[in-house]
Amino acid sequence: MSEIVTKAVEALGEKIDGGFDGSAKFVIEGEGAIMIDGAGVHAGDDDADVTLTATAETFQAILEGEENPTTAFMTGKLSVDGDMGTAMKLAGVLA
């Protein structure tokens, strides 16, 4: 597991306290994947309701509040595959 994924798991764990209703996977290009579900946040590459893919830079900007997830999606920096309702719930948690 890369250092970027490890730090991202920690940062997301702080934002998503107590788990998440549904399942989402963040794929950080060239680094690995992070799962968010009812159990919390952990590194992994399991099936999920929605998969979000971005570069490490975009992912970090979203986590730090410098990039709005919806704006990142609309400008092509973040791709979403799967249930858009779950993606929107996750965006609300991250905002």
C-alpha atoms as a PDB file:
ATOM      1  CA  MET A   1       0.000   0.000   0.000  1.00  0.00           C
ATOM      2  CA  SER A   2       1.360   3.404  -0.919  1.00  0.00           C
ATOM      3  CA  GLU A   3       1.996   6.219   1.538  1.00  0.00           C
ATOM      4  CA  ILE A   4      -0.631   8.304  -0.264  1.00  0.00           C
ATOM      5  CA  VAL A   5      -3.294   5.629   0.296  1.00  0.00           C
ATOM      6  CA  THR A   6      -2.292   5.253   3.945  1.00  0.00           C
ATOM      7  CA  LYS A   7      -2.591   9.004   4.570  1.00  0.00           C
ATOM      8  CA  ALA A   8      -5.856   9.162   2.626  1.00  0.00           C
ATOM      9  CA  VAL A   9      -7.373   6.378   4.733  1.00  0.00           C
ATOM     10  CA  GLU A  10      -6.500   8.348   7.877  1.00  0.00           C
ATOM     11  CA  ALA A  11      -7.885  11.631   6.511  1.00  0.00           C
ATOM     12  CA  LEU A  12     -11.104  10.049   5.246  1.00  0.00           C
ATOM     13  CA  GLY A  13     -11.528   8.183   8.519  1.00  0.00           C
ATOM     14  CA  GLU A  14     -11.615  11.522  10.341  1.00  0.00           C
ATOM     15  CA  LYS A  15     -14.218  12.946   7.941  1.00  0.00           C
ATOM     16  CA  ILE A  16     -16.414   9.840   7.892  1.00  0.00           C
ATOM     17  CA  ASP A  17     -16.880   9.017  11.542  1.00  0.00           C
ATOM     18  CA  GLY A  18     -19.006   5.931  12.158  1.00  0.00           C
ATOM     19  CA  GLY A  19     -19.112   4.514   8.650  1.00  0.00           C
ATOM     20  CA  PHE A  20     -21.073   5.340   5.544  1.00  0.00           C
ATOM     21  CA  ASP A  21     -24.505   4.225   4.361  1.00  0.00           C
ATOM     22  CA  GLY A  22     -23.612   2.333   1.185  1.00  0.00           C
ATOM     23  CA  SER A  23     -20.231   1.534  -0.276  1.00  0.00           C
ATOM     24  CA  ALA A  24     -17.839   3.613  -2.298  1.00  0.00           C
ATOM     25  CA  LYS A  25     -14.382   3.032  -3.705  1.00  0.00           C
ATOM     26  CA  PHE A  26     -11.859   5.785  -4.392  1.00  0.00           C
ATOM     27  CA  VAL A  27      -9.269   4.758  -6.951  1.00  0.00           C
ATOM     28  CA  ILE A  28      -6.192   6.952  -6.780  1.00  0.00           C
ATOM     29  CA  GLU A  29      -4.469   6.550 -10.128  1.00  0.00           C
ATOM     30  CA  GLY A  30      -1.124   4.795  -9.810  1.00  0.00           C
ATOM     31  CA  GLU A  31      -1.435   4.447  -6.016  1.00  0.00           C
ATOM     32  CA  GLY A  32      -4.272   2.083  -5.059  1.00  0.00           C
ATOM     33  CA  ALA A  33      -7.846   2.097  -3.830  1.00  0.00           C
ATOM     34  CA  ILE A  34      -9.730   3.034  -0.680  1.00  0.00           C
ATOM     35  CA  MET A  35     -13.033   1.521   0.422  1.00  0.00           C
ATOM     36  CA  ILE A  36     -15.671   3.470   2.344  1.00  0.00           C
ATOM     37  CA  ASP A  37     -18.595   1.498   3.794  1.00  0.00           C
ATOM     38  CA  GLY A  38     -20.528   0.750   6.958  1.00  0.00           C
ATOM     39  CA  ALA A  39     -17.361  -0.564   8.580  1.00  0.00           C
ATOM     40  CA  GLY A  40     -15.543   2.733   7.997  1.00  0.00           C
ATOM     41  CA  VAL A  41     -12.567   3.506   5.769  1.00  0.00           C
ATOM     42  CA  HIS A  42      -9.862   1.047   4.761  1.00  0.00           C
ATOM     43  CA  ALA A  43      -7.516   0.267   1.906  1.00  0.00           C
ATOM     44  CA  GLY A  44      -9.021  -2.244  -0.493  1.00  0.00           C
ATOM     45  CA  ASP A  45     -10.275  -2.927  -3.976  1.00  0.00           C
ATOM     46  CA  ASP A  46     -13.641  -4.616  -3.370  1.00  0.00           C
ATOM     47  CA  ASP A  47     -16.832  -4.149  -5.361  1.00  0.00           C
ATOM     48  CA  ALA A  48     -18.736  -0.996  -4.378  1.00  0.00           C
ATOM     49  CA  ASP A  49     -21.976   0.822  -5.179  1.00  0.00           C
ATOM     50  CA  VAL A  50     -19.923   3.597  -6.776  1.00  0.00           C
ATOM     51  CA  THR A  51     -16.309   3.946  -7.888  1.00  0.00           C
ATOM     52  CA  LEU A  52     -14.649   7.348  -8.034  1.00  0.00           C
ATOM     53  CA  THR A  53     -11.333   7.718  -9.853  1.00  0.00           C
ATOM     54  CA  ALA A  54      -8.930  10.670  -9.701  1.00  0.00           C
ATOM     55  CA  THR A  55      -5.248  11.551  -9.642  1.00  0.00           C
ATOM     56  CA  ALA A  56      -3.487  11.797  -6.288  1.00  0.00           C
ATOM     57  CA  GLU A  57      -3.411  15.584  -6.668  1.00  0.00           C
ATOM     58  CA  THR A  58      -7.159  15.874  -7.286  1.00  0.00           C
ATOM     59  CA  PHE A  59      -7.967  13.470  -4.474  1.00  0.00           C
ATOM     60  CA  GLN A  60      -5.805  15.433  -2.038  1.00  0.00           C
ATOM     61  CA  ALA A  61      -7.413  18.725  -3.104  1.00  0.00           C
ATOM     62  CA  ILE A  62     -10.880  17.248  -2.474  1.00  0.00           C
ATOM     63  CA  LEU A  63      -9.834  15.995   0.975  1.00  0.00           C
ATOM     64  CA  GLU A  64      -8.335  19.354   1.916  1.00  0.00           C
ATOM     65  CA  GLY A  65     -11.427  21.248   0.755  1.00  0.00           C
ATOM     66  CA  GLU A  66      -9.560  23.016  -2.036  1.00  0.00           C
ATOM     67  CA  GLU A  67     -11.559  21.204  -4.755  1.00  0.00           C
ATOM     68  CA  ASN A  68     -15.306  20.644  -4.680  1.00  0.00           C
ATOM     69  CA  PRO A  69     -16.091  17.013  -5.632  1.00  0.00           C
ATOM     70  CA  THR A  70     -18.966  18.076  -7.895  1.00  0.00           C
ATOM     71  CA  THR A  71     -16.772  20.624  -9.667  1.00  0.00           C
ATOM     72  CA  ALA A  72     -14.023  18.017 -10.056  1.00  0.00           C
ATOM     73  CA  PHE A  73     -16.557  15.684 -11.696  1.00  0.00           C
ATOM     74  CA  MET A  74     -17.952  18.377 -13.987  1.00  0.00           C
ATOM     75  CA  THR A  75     -14.460  19.398 -15.145  1.00  0.00           C
ATOM     76  CA  GLY A  76     -13.341  15.817 -15.795  1.00  0.00           C
ATOM     77  CA  LYS A  77     -10.872  15.594 -12.912  1.00  0.00           C
ATOM     78  CA  LEU A  78     -13.004  12.981 -11.127  1.00  0.00           C
ATOM     79  CA  SER A  79     -14.753  10.114 -12.884  1.00  0.00           C
ATOM     80  CA  VAL A  80     -17.747   8.345 -11.348  1.00  0.00           C
ATOM     81  CA  ASP A  81     -18.907   4.844 -12.251  1.00  0.00           C
ATOM     82  CA  GLY A  82     -21.988   3.405 -10.570  1.00  0.00           C
ATOM     83  CA  ASP A  83     -24.739   4.795  -8.350  1.00  0.00           C
ATOM     84  CA  MET A  84     -24.795   8.600  -8.605  1.00  0.00           C
ATOM     85  CA  GLY A  85     -27.015   8.830  -5.506  1.00  0.00           C
ATOM     86  CA  THR A  86     -24.290   7.207  -3.418  1.00  0.00           C
ATOM     87  CA  ALA A  87     -21.698   9.501  -5.012  1.00  0.00           C
ATOM     88  CA  MET A  88     -23.777  12.543  -4.062  1.00  0.00           C
ATOM     89  CA  LYS A  89     -24.119  11.308  -0.450  1.00  0.00           C
ATOM     90  CA  LEU A  90     -20.368  10.899  -0.288  1.00  0.00           C
ATOM     91  CA  ALA A  91     -19.788  14.370  -1.765  1.00  0.00           C
ATOM     92  CA  GLY A  92     -22.021  15.778   0.986  1.00  0.00           C
ATOM     93  CA  VAL A  93     -19.931  14.079   3.650  1.00  0.00           C
ATOM     94  CA  LEU A  94     -16.663  15.324   2.149  1.00  0.00           C
ATOM     95  CA  ALA A  95     -17.788  18.931   1.648  1.00  0.00           C
END
